């Protein structure tokens, strides 16, 4: 008695497919041989017509079995190639040089993205109030420009390396 899971399921499926195709070809060869024997014994036109028909069925089944096996082999290789390609993409393998991944870099990138969004919003405010007249519009433009200046300064400070001379740390992925 074999324990559960002792043989992989794909091998069992392949074995069943090979046995079924071999069995079907064996049946067709047997039918063809029986038809040839009966046609040779009777030596009439109907017997040889049955031989020709059984030969056609034998060739058709052989064509289908071999074609299906070839197609299944091609699909297996394509599936393996696609799985391998998906696995390399899933690992996050970069295509251009090494990339340092750490939490500090990720947080810095998120903060920079947020800073750029703030600058975009404040630019819209400047464009909206620049065409208007009045002290309120001028005050809004001044506040927006001040916000842009502060945000840009903060973003530049985030991009500068720390002045302590510490090397970058993190995991390098090739």
N, C-alpha and C. Protein backbone atom coordinates (compact mmCIF):
# COMPACT_ATOMS: atom_id res chain seq x y z
N UNK A 1 0.85 -1.17 0.00
CA UNK A 1 0.00 0.00 0.00
C UNK A 1 0.89 1.23 0.00
N UNK A 2 0.57 2.21 -0.84
CA UNK A 2 1.37 3.43 -0.96
C UNK A 2 0.75 4.53 -0.14
N UNK A 3 1.58 5.34 0.53
CA UNK A 3 1.04 6.48 1.27
C UNK A 3 0.48 7.52 0.30
N UNK A 4 -0.45 8.30 0.81
CA UNK A 4 -1.03 9.35 -0.01
C UNK A 4 0.04 10.33 -0.44
N UNK A 5 -0.02 10.74 -1.69
CA UNK A 5 0.92 11.72 -2.20
C UNK A 5 2.27 11.15 -2.56
N UNK A 6 2.39 9.83 -2.63
CA UNK A 6 3.69 9.25 -2.93
C UNK A 6 4.06 9.40 -4.40
N UNK A 7 3.05 9.45 -5.27
CA UNK A 7 3.32 9.68 -6.69
C UNK A 7 2.68 10.99 -7.09
N UNK A 8 3.41 11.83 -7.82
CA UNK A 8 2.83 13.12 -8.22
C UNK A 8 1.69 12.93 -9.20
N UNK A 9 0.70 13.82 -9.10
CA UNK A 9 -0.49 13.74 -9.95
C UNK A 9 -0.19 13.93 -11.43
N UNK A 10 0.72 14.84 -11.85
CA UNK A 10 0.96 15.00 -13.27
C UNK A 10 1.50 13.72 -13.92
N UNK A 11 2.33 12.97 -13.22
CA UNK A 11 2.86 11.74 -13.80
C UNK A 11 1.75 10.72 -14.00
N UNK A 12 0.79 10.67 -13.06
CA UNK A 12 -0.32 9.75 -13.20
C UNK A 12 -1.18 10.12 -14.41
N UNK A 13 -1.47 11.39 -14.58
CA UNK A 13 -2.27 11.83 -15.72
C UNK A 13 -1.58 11.52 -17.03
N UNK A 14 -0.28 11.71 -17.09
CA UNK A 14 0.46 11.43 -18.31
C UNK A 14 0.45 9.94 -18.60
N UNK A 15 0.59 9.12 -17.57
CA UNK A 15 0.59 7.68 -17.74
C UNK A 15 -0.76 7.20 -18.28
N UNK A 16 -1.83 7.74 -17.76
CA UNK A 16 -3.17 7.36 -18.24
C UNK A 16 -3.35 7.77 -19.69
N UNK A 17 -2.89 8.94 -20.06
CA UNK A 17 -3.01 9.41 -21.43
C UNK A 17 -2.23 8.52 -22.38
N UNK A 18 -1.01 8.15 -22.00
CA UNK A 18 -0.19 7.29 -22.86
C UNK A 18 -0.84 5.92 -22.98
N UNK A 19 -1.34 5.35 -21.90
CA UNK A 19 -1.98 4.04 -21.96
C UNK A 19 -3.24 4.07 -22.81
N UNK A 20 -4.04 5.11 -22.70
CA UNK A 20 -5.28 5.19 -23.47
C UNK A 20 -4.96 5.34 -24.96
N UNK A 21 -3.97 6.15 -25.29
CA UNK A 21 -3.64 6.32 -26.70
C UNK A 21 -3.02 5.06 -27.28
N UNK A 22 -2.19 4.38 -26.50
CA UNK A 22 -1.59 3.12 -26.95
C UNK A 22 -2.68 2.07 -27.13
N UNK A 23 -3.63 2.03 -26.22
CA UNK A 23 -4.73 1.07 -26.32
C UNK A 23 -5.58 1.34 -27.56
N UNK A 24 -5.88 2.60 -27.82
CA UNK A 24 -6.71 2.90 -28.99
C UNK A 24 -5.99 2.55 -30.29
N UNK A 25 -4.70 2.81 -30.36
CA UNK A 25 -3.95 2.42 -31.56
C UNK A 25 -3.88 0.91 -31.69
N UNK A 26 -3.73 0.20 -30.59
CA UNK A 26 -3.69 -1.27 -30.64
C UNK A 26 -5.02 -1.83 -31.13
N UNK A 27 -6.12 -1.25 -30.70
CA UNK A 27 -7.44 -1.70 -31.16
C UNK A 27 -7.59 -1.45 -32.65
N UNK A 28 -7.15 -0.30 -33.13
CA UNK A 28 -7.28 0.00 -34.56
C UNK A 28 -6.39 -0.93 -35.41
N UNK A 29 -5.18 -1.23 -34.91
CA UNK A 29 -4.31 -2.16 -35.63
C UNK A 29 -4.94 -3.55 -35.67
N UNK A 30 -5.55 -3.97 -34.57
CA UNK A 30 -6.22 -5.28 -34.52
C UNK A 30 -7.38 -5.33 -35.50
N UNK A 31 -8.17 -4.28 -35.53
CA UNK A 31 -9.30 -4.23 -36.47
C UNK A 31 -8.79 -4.31 -37.90
N UNK A 32 -7.73 -3.57 -38.19
CA UNK A 32 -7.17 -3.60 -39.54
C UNK A 32 -6.66 -5.00 -39.90
N UNK A 33 -5.93 -5.64 -38.99
CA UNK A 33 -5.40 -6.99 -39.27
C UNK A 33 -6.52 -8.02 -39.45
N UNK A 34 -7.56 -7.93 -38.62
CA UNK A 34 -8.70 -8.86 -38.77
C UNK A 34 -9.38 -8.64 -40.11
N UNK A 35 -9.52 -7.37 -40.51
CA UNK A 35 -10.15 -7.08 -41.79
C UNK A 35 -9.30 -7.62 -42.94
N UNK A 36 -7.97 -7.50 -42.84
CA UNK A 36 -7.09 -8.03 -43.89
C UNK A 36 -7.21 -9.55 -43.96
N UNK A 37 -7.22 -10.22 -42.81
CA UNK A 37 -7.32 -11.69 -42.79
C UNK A 37 -8.64 -12.14 -43.39
N UNK A 38 -9.76 -11.52 -42.99
CA UNK A 38 -11.06 -11.91 -43.55
C UNK A 38 -11.14 -11.61 -45.04
N UNK A 39 -10.57 -10.46 -45.46
CA UNK A 39 -10.61 -10.11 -46.88
C UNK A 39 -9.78 -11.09 -47.69
N UNK A 40 -8.64 -11.52 -47.16
CA UNK A 40 -7.79 -12.47 -47.88
C UNK A 40 -8.47 -13.84 -47.95
N UNK A 41 -9.17 -14.24 -46.91
CA UNK A 41 -9.86 -15.53 -46.92
C UNK A 41 -11.06 -15.51 -47.87
N UNK A 42 -11.83 -14.47 -47.86
CA UNK A 42 -13.03 -14.41 -48.70
C UNK A 42 -12.68 -14.00 -50.13
N UNK A 43 -11.65 -13.16 -50.28
CA UNK A 43 -11.20 -12.68 -51.57
C UNK A 43 -12.35 -12.09 -52.40
N UNK A 44 -13.09 -11.17 -51.75
CA UNK A 44 -14.13 -10.46 -52.50
C UNK A 44 -13.96 -8.96 -52.29
N UNK A 45 -14.70 -8.18 -53.08
CA UNK A 45 -14.54 -6.72 -53.10
C UNK A 45 -14.99 -6.10 -51.78
N UNK A 46 -16.05 -6.59 -51.19
CA UNK A 46 -16.57 -6.03 -49.93
C UNK A 46 -15.52 -6.16 -48.83
N UNK A 47 -14.83 -7.28 -48.75
CA UNK A 47 -13.80 -7.49 -47.72
C UNK A 47 -12.66 -6.50 -47.87
N UNK A 48 -12.22 -6.27 -49.14
CA UNK A 48 -11.13 -5.32 -49.35
C UNK A 48 -11.60 -3.89 -49.12
N UNK A 49 -12.87 -3.60 -49.35
CA UNK A 49 -13.41 -2.27 -49.04
C UNK A 49 -13.38 -2.03 -47.53
N UNK A 50 -13.69 -3.07 -46.75
CA UNK A 50 -13.61 -2.96 -45.28
C UNK A 50 -12.16 -2.75 -44.84
N UNK A 51 -11.21 -3.39 -45.53
CA UNK A 51 -9.79 -3.21 -45.22
C UNK A 51 -9.38 -1.76 -45.45
N UNK A 52 -9.80 -1.20 -46.59
CA UNK A 52 -9.46 0.19 -46.90
C UNK A 52 -10.06 1.14 -45.86
N UNK A 53 -11.31 0.90 -45.48
CA UNK A 53 -11.96 1.75 -44.47
C UNK A 53 -11.26 1.62 -43.13
N UNK A 54 -10.91 0.41 -42.71
CA UNK A 54 -10.23 0.24 -41.42
C UNK A 54 -8.82 0.85 -41.47
N UNK A 55 -8.16 0.77 -42.64
CA UNK A 55 -6.85 1.40 -42.78
C UNK A 55 -6.98 2.93 -42.64
N UNK A 56 -8.04 3.50 -43.20
CA UNK A 56 -8.28 4.95 -43.05
C UNK A 56 -8.50 5.33 -41.60
N UNK A 57 -9.28 4.54 -40.88
CA UNK A 57 -9.51 4.81 -39.46
C UNK A 57 -8.22 4.65 -38.65
N UNK A 58 -7.40 3.67 -39.02
CA UNK A 58 -6.13 3.47 -38.33
C UNK A 58 -5.21 4.67 -38.55
N UNK A 59 -5.11 5.14 -39.78
CA UNK A 59 -4.27 6.30 -40.07
C UNK A 59 -4.79 7.56 -39.37
N UNK A 60 -6.11 7.73 -39.37
CA UNK A 60 -6.70 8.88 -38.70
C UNK A 60 -6.41 8.85 -37.20
N UNK A 61 -6.58 7.70 -36.56
CA UNK A 61 -6.33 7.63 -35.12
C UNK A 61 -4.84 7.82 -34.82
N UNK A 62 -3.95 7.28 -35.66
CA UNK A 62 -2.52 7.47 -35.45
C UNK A 62 -2.16 8.95 -35.60
N UNK A 63 -2.73 9.62 -36.60
CA UNK A 63 -2.50 11.05 -36.80
C UNK A 63 -2.96 11.85 -35.58
N UNK A 64 -4.15 11.53 -35.07
CA UNK A 64 -4.68 12.26 -33.92
C UNK A 64 -3.86 12.02 -32.66
N UNK A 65 -3.49 10.76 -32.42
CA UNK A 65 -2.72 10.45 -31.21
C UNK A 65 -1.36 11.13 -31.26
N UNK A 66 -0.66 11.02 -32.37
CA UNK A 66 0.66 11.63 -32.47
C UNK A 66 0.57 13.16 -32.45
N UNK A 67 -0.45 13.71 -33.11
CA UNK A 67 -0.64 15.16 -33.10
C UNK A 67 -0.95 15.68 -31.71
N UNK A 68 -1.79 14.97 -30.97
CA UNK A 68 -2.11 15.40 -29.61
C UNK A 68 -0.90 15.30 -28.70
N UNK A 69 -0.10 14.25 -28.85
CA UNK A 69 1.10 14.12 -28.03
C UNK A 69 2.08 15.26 -28.33
N UNK A 70 2.26 15.58 -29.61
CA UNK A 70 3.16 16.66 -30.00
C UNK A 70 2.64 18.00 -29.47
N UNK A 71 1.34 18.23 -29.60
CA UNK A 71 0.75 19.47 -29.10
C UNK A 71 0.86 19.59 -27.58
N UNK A 72 0.65 18.47 -26.88
CA UNK A 72 0.77 18.49 -25.43
C UNK A 72 2.21 18.78 -25.01
N UNK A 73 3.18 18.24 -25.75
CA UNK A 73 4.58 18.50 -25.43
C UNK A 73 4.92 19.98 -25.65
N UNK A 74 4.41 20.57 -26.73
CA UNK A 74 4.66 21.99 -26.99
C UNK A 74 4.01 22.86 -25.91
N UNK A 75 2.79 22.53 -25.53
CA UNK A 75 2.12 23.30 -24.49
C UNK A 75 2.85 23.18 -23.16
N UNK A 76 3.40 22.02 -22.87
CA UNK A 76 4.15 21.85 -21.63
C UNK A 76 5.38 22.73 -21.62
N UNK A 77 6.11 22.78 -22.74
CA UNK A 77 7.31 23.63 -22.78
C UNK A 77 6.93 25.11 -22.69
N UNK A 78 5.85 25.51 -23.34
CA UNK A 78 5.41 26.91 -23.27
C UNK A 78 4.97 27.27 -21.85
N UNK A 79 4.27 26.34 -21.19
CA UNK A 79 3.83 26.58 -19.83
C UNK A 79 5.01 26.70 -18.89
N UNK A 80 6.02 25.84 -19.07
CA UNK A 80 7.21 25.93 -18.22
C UNK A 80 7.94 27.25 -18.46
N UNK A 81 8.04 27.68 -19.72
CA UNK A 81 8.70 28.95 -20.02
C UNK A 81 7.94 30.13 -19.42
N UNK A 82 6.62 30.11 -19.53
CA UNK A 82 5.81 31.19 -18.97
C UNK A 82 5.90 31.21 -17.45
N UNK A 83 5.93 30.04 -16.84
CA UNK A 83 6.04 29.97 -15.38
C UNK A 83 7.39 30.50 -14.93
N UNK A 84 8.44 30.15 -15.65
CA UNK A 84 9.77 30.64 -15.30
C UNK A 84 9.85 32.16 -15.47
N UNK A 85 9.25 32.69 -16.53
CA UNK A 85 9.26 34.13 -16.76
C UNK A 85 8.47 34.85 -15.67
N UNK A 86 7.34 34.29 -15.28
CA UNK A 86 6.53 34.90 -14.24
C UNK A 86 7.25 34.85 -12.90
N UNK A 87 8.00 33.78 -12.65
CA UNK A 87 8.73 33.67 -11.39
C UNK A 87 9.83 34.72 -11.30
N UNK A 88 10.53 34.98 -12.42
CA UNK A 88 11.58 35.99 -12.38
C UNK A 88 10.98 37.38 -12.22
N UNK A 89 9.82 37.63 -12.83
CA UNK A 89 9.17 38.93 -12.65
C UNK A 89 8.65 39.07 -11.24
N UNK A 90 8.16 37.99 -10.66
CA UNK A 90 7.60 38.02 -9.30
C UNK A 90 8.66 38.26 -8.24
N UNK A 91 9.90 37.91 -8.53
CA UNK A 91 10.97 38.13 -7.58
C UNK A 91 11.43 39.58 -7.58
N UNK A 92 10.94 40.35 -8.51
CA UNK A 92 11.30 41.76 -8.58
C UNK A 92 12.68 41.99 -9.14
N UNK A 93 13.12 41.10 -9.99
CA UNK A 93 14.44 41.25 -10.58
C UNK A 93 14.46 42.45 -11.50
N UNK A 94 15.30 43.44 -11.21
CA UNK A 94 15.34 44.62 -12.07
C UNK A 94 16.05 44.32 -13.36
N UNK A 95 15.72 45.09 -14.37
CA UNK A 95 16.31 44.85 -15.67
C UNK A 95 17.53 45.74 -15.91
N UNK A 96 17.70 46.80 -15.13
CA UNK A 96 18.81 47.72 -15.40
C UNK A 96 19.58 48.00 -14.11
N UNK A 97 20.58 47.20 -13.84
CA UNK A 97 21.48 47.45 -12.73
C UNK A 97 20.90 47.12 -11.37
N UNK A 98 21.75 47.19 -10.35
CA UNK A 98 21.30 46.86 -9.00
C UNK A 98 20.44 47.97 -8.41
N UNK A 99 19.55 47.58 -7.53
CA UNK A 99 18.66 48.51 -6.87
C UNK A 99 18.76 48.26 -5.37
N UNK A 100 18.90 49.32 -4.59
CA UNK A 100 18.97 49.18 -3.14
C UNK A 100 17.56 49.32 -2.59
N UNK A 101 17.13 48.30 -1.88
CA UNK A 101 15.79 48.32 -1.31
C UNK A 101 15.90 48.32 0.21
N UNK A 102 15.39 49.35 0.83
CA UNK A 102 15.27 49.37 2.27
C UNK A 102 14.10 50.27 2.63
N UNK A 103 13.74 50.24 3.88
CA UNK A 103 12.56 50.98 4.33
C UNK A 103 12.79 52.49 4.24
N UNK A 104 13.98 52.94 4.54
CA UNK A 104 14.26 54.38 4.50
C UNK A 104 14.13 54.92 3.07
N UNK A 105 14.63 54.18 2.09
CA UNK A 105 14.52 54.62 0.69
C UNK A 105 13.06 54.65 0.27
N UNK A 106 12.32 53.65 0.66
CA UNK A 106 10.89 53.60 0.31
C UNK A 106 10.15 54.79 0.91
N UNK A 107 10.42 55.07 2.19
CA UNK A 107 9.76 56.20 2.85
C UNK A 107 10.16 57.53 2.21
N UNK A 108 11.44 57.66 1.88
CA UNK A 108 11.90 58.89 1.23
C UNK A 108 11.19 59.09 -0.11
N UNK A 109 11.07 58.00 -0.89
CA UNK A 109 10.39 58.11 -2.18
C UNK A 109 8.93 58.51 -2.02
N UNK A 110 8.27 57.96 -1.00
CA UNK A 110 6.87 58.34 -0.75
C UNK A 110 6.77 59.81 -0.35
N UNK A 111 7.70 60.27 0.49
CA UNK A 111 7.69 61.68 0.90
C UNK A 111 7.95 62.60 -0.27
N UNK A 112 8.90 62.22 -1.13
CA UNK A 112 9.17 63.04 -2.32
C UNK A 112 7.96 63.10 -3.23
N UNK A 113 7.30 61.96 -3.41
CA UNK A 113 6.09 61.94 -4.24
C UNK A 113 5.04 62.87 -3.66
N UNK A 114 4.86 62.83 -2.35
CA UNK A 114 3.89 63.71 -1.71
C UNK A 114 4.28 65.18 -1.89
N UNK A 115 5.58 65.48 -1.79
CA UNK A 115 6.04 66.87 -1.98
C UNK A 115 5.73 67.35 -3.39
N UNK A 116 5.96 66.50 -4.37
CA UNK A 116 5.67 66.90 -5.75
C UNK A 116 4.17 67.11 -5.97
N UNK A 117 3.35 66.32 -5.29
CA UNK A 117 1.90 66.52 -5.40
C UNK A 117 1.50 67.87 -4.78
N UNK A 118 2.12 68.21 -3.65
CA UNK A 118 1.83 69.51 -3.02
C UNK A 118 2.21 70.64 -3.96
N UNK A 119 3.36 70.52 -4.60
CA UNK A 119 3.81 71.56 -5.53
C UNK A 119 2.84 71.69 -6.70
N UNK A 120 2.35 70.56 -7.20
CA UNK A 120 1.39 70.61 -8.31
C UNK A 120 0.10 71.32 -7.89
N UNK A 121 -0.38 71.01 -6.69
CA UNK A 121 -1.62 71.64 -6.22
C UNK A 121 -1.40 73.14 -6.04
N UNK A 122 -0.27 73.53 -5.45
CA UNK A 122 -0.01 74.95 -5.23
C UNK A 122 0.19 75.70 -6.55
N UNK A 123 0.74 75.02 -7.55
CA UNK A 123 0.87 75.64 -8.88
C UNK A 123 -0.51 75.92 -9.46
N UNK A 124 -1.44 75.02 -9.26
CA UNK A 124 -2.82 75.26 -9.73
C UNK A 124 -3.42 76.45 -9.01
N UNK A 125 -3.15 76.57 -7.70
CA UNK A 125 -3.67 77.71 -6.93
C UNK A 125 -3.09 79.02 -7.49
N UNK A 126 -1.79 79.03 -7.76
CA UNK A 126 -1.15 80.24 -8.30
C UNK A 126 -1.79 80.60 -9.64
N UNK A 127 -1.95 79.62 -10.50
CA UNK A 127 -2.56 79.89 -11.82
C UNK A 127 -3.99 80.38 -11.69
N UNK A 128 -4.72 79.88 -10.72
CA UNK A 128 -6.13 80.29 -10.54
C UNK A 128 -6.22 81.73 -10.02
N UNK A 129 -5.40 82.10 -9.04
CA UNK A 129 -5.52 83.43 -8.42
C UNK A 129 -4.66 84.49 -9.11
N UNK A 130 -3.73 84.11 -9.95
CA UNK A 130 -2.87 85.07 -10.63
C UNK A 130 -3.68 85.99 -11.54
N UNK A 131 -4.71 85.50 -12.18
CA UNK A 131 -5.49 86.30 -13.12
C UNK A 131 -6.50 87.20 -12.40
N UNK A 132 -6.71 86.97 -11.11
CA UNK A 132 -7.68 87.77 -10.36
C UNK A 132 -7.00 88.99 -9.76
N UNK A 133 -7.79 90.03 -9.55
CA UNK A 133 -7.30 91.25 -8.91
C UNK A 133 -7.76 91.26 -7.45
N UNK A 134 -7.03 91.98 -6.64
CA UNK A 134 -7.44 92.14 -5.25
C UNK A 134 -6.39 91.60 -4.29
N UNK A 135 -6.57 92.05 -3.04
CA UNK A 135 -5.62 91.66 -2.01
C UNK A 135 -5.74 90.18 -1.65
N UNK A 136 -6.95 89.66 -1.66
CA UNK A 136 -7.15 88.24 -1.32
C UNK A 136 -6.43 87.35 -2.33
N UNK A 137 -6.54 87.67 -3.60
CA UNK A 137 -5.88 86.89 -4.64
C UNK A 137 -4.37 86.98 -4.50
N UNK A 138 -3.87 88.18 -4.22
CA UNK A 138 -2.42 88.36 -4.06
C UNK A 138 -1.93 87.58 -2.84
N UNK A 139 -2.72 87.58 -1.75
CA UNK A 139 -2.35 86.82 -0.55
C UNK A 139 -2.32 85.32 -0.82
N UNK A 140 -3.29 84.82 -1.58
CA UNK A 140 -3.32 83.39 -1.92
C UNK A 140 -2.11 83.01 -2.76
N UNK A 141 -1.75 83.87 -3.72
CA UNK A 141 -0.58 83.59 -4.57
C UNK A 141 0.68 83.60 -3.71
N UNK A 142 0.79 84.58 -2.80
CA UNK A 142 1.98 84.64 -1.94
C UNK A 142 2.09 83.39 -1.05
N UNK A 143 0.95 82.96 -0.45
CA UNK A 143 0.98 81.77 0.40
C UNK A 143 1.31 80.53 -0.41
N UNK A 144 0.79 80.42 -1.63
CA UNK A 144 1.07 79.26 -2.47
C UNK A 144 2.54 79.21 -2.87
N UNK A 145 3.10 80.40 -3.20
CA UNK A 145 4.53 80.44 -3.56
C UNK A 145 5.40 80.09 -2.36
N UNK A 146 5.01 80.55 -1.17
CA UNK A 146 5.75 80.21 0.04
C UNK A 146 5.69 78.71 0.31
N UNK A 147 4.52 78.12 0.12
CA UNK A 147 4.37 76.67 0.31
C UNK A 147 5.24 75.91 -0.69
N UNK A 148 5.26 76.37 -1.93
CA UNK A 148 6.09 75.72 -2.95
C UNK A 148 7.55 75.81 -2.56
N UNK A 149 7.98 76.99 -2.09
CA UNK A 149 9.37 77.17 -1.70
C UNK A 149 9.75 76.26 -0.54
N UNK A 150 8.92 76.18 0.48
CA UNK A 150 9.19 75.32 1.64
C UNK A 150 9.21 73.85 1.24
N UNK A 151 8.23 73.46 0.43
CA UNK A 151 8.15 72.06 0.01
C UNK A 151 9.34 71.67 -0.84
N UNK A 152 9.75 72.54 -1.75
CA UNK A 152 10.91 72.25 -2.60
C UNK A 152 12.18 72.15 -1.76
N UNK A 153 12.31 73.02 -0.77
CA UNK A 153 13.47 72.99 0.11
C UNK A 153 13.51 71.68 0.91
N UNK A 154 12.38 71.28 1.44
CA UNK A 154 12.30 70.02 2.18
C UNK A 154 12.64 68.83 1.28
N UNK A 155 12.13 68.87 0.06
CA UNK A 155 12.39 67.76 -0.87
C UNK A 155 13.87 67.69 -1.22
N UNK A 156 14.50 68.85 -1.44
CA UNK A 156 15.94 68.84 -1.74
C UNK A 156 16.74 68.33 -0.56
N UNK A 157 16.31 68.66 0.66
CA UNK A 157 17.00 68.16 1.85
C UNK A 157 16.88 66.64 1.96
N UNK A 158 15.74 66.10 1.54
CA UNK A 158 15.56 64.64 1.58
C UNK A 158 16.48 63.96 0.57
N UNK A 159 16.76 64.62 -0.52
CA UNK A 159 17.57 64.02 -1.57
C UNK A 159 19.07 64.08 -1.27
N UNK A 160 19.49 65.00 -0.42
CA UNK A 160 20.90 65.13 -0.08
C UNK A 160 21.29 63.96 0.81
N UNK A 161 22.53 63.45 0.65
CA UNK A 161 22.98 62.40 1.56
C UNK A 161 23.18 63.00 2.95
N UNK A 162 23.08 62.15 3.94
CA UNK A 162 23.24 62.65 5.31
C UNK A 162 24.67 63.14 5.48
N UNK A 163 24.86 64.24 6.19
CA UNK A 163 26.15 64.87 6.35
C UNK A 163 27.07 64.11 7.29
N UNK A 164 26.63 62.99 7.83
CA UNK A 164 27.41 62.26 8.80
C UNK A 164 28.42 61.32 8.16
N UNK A 165 28.44 61.20 6.83
CA UNK A 165 29.39 60.33 6.16
C UNK A 165 29.08 58.85 6.32
N UNK A 166 27.84 58.54 6.64
CA UNK A 166 27.46 57.13 6.81
C UNK A 166 27.21 56.51 5.44
N UNK A 167 27.68 55.28 5.24
CA UNK A 167 27.40 54.60 3.96
C UNK A 167 25.94 54.18 3.90
N UNK A 168 25.45 54.02 2.68
CA UNK A 168 24.08 53.54 2.50
C UNK A 168 24.00 52.10 2.95
N UNK A 169 22.91 51.76 3.57
CA UNK A 169 22.70 50.37 3.97
C UNK A 169 21.46 49.86 3.29
N UNK A 170 21.40 48.57 3.13
CA UNK A 170 20.22 47.96 2.52
C UNK A 170 20.63 46.73 1.73
N UNK A 171 19.67 46.14 1.13
CA UNK A 171 19.89 44.92 0.36
C UNK A 171 20.05 45.29 -1.12
N UNK A 172 21.15 44.81 -1.73
CA UNK A 172 21.39 45.07 -3.14
C UNK A 172 20.87 43.88 -3.93
N UNK A 173 20.01 44.17 -4.88
CA UNK A 173 19.41 43.12 -5.70
C UNK A 173 19.87 43.34 -7.13
N UNK A 174 20.50 42.34 -7.69
CA UNK A 174 20.96 42.41 -9.09
C UNK A 174 19.89 41.92 -10.02
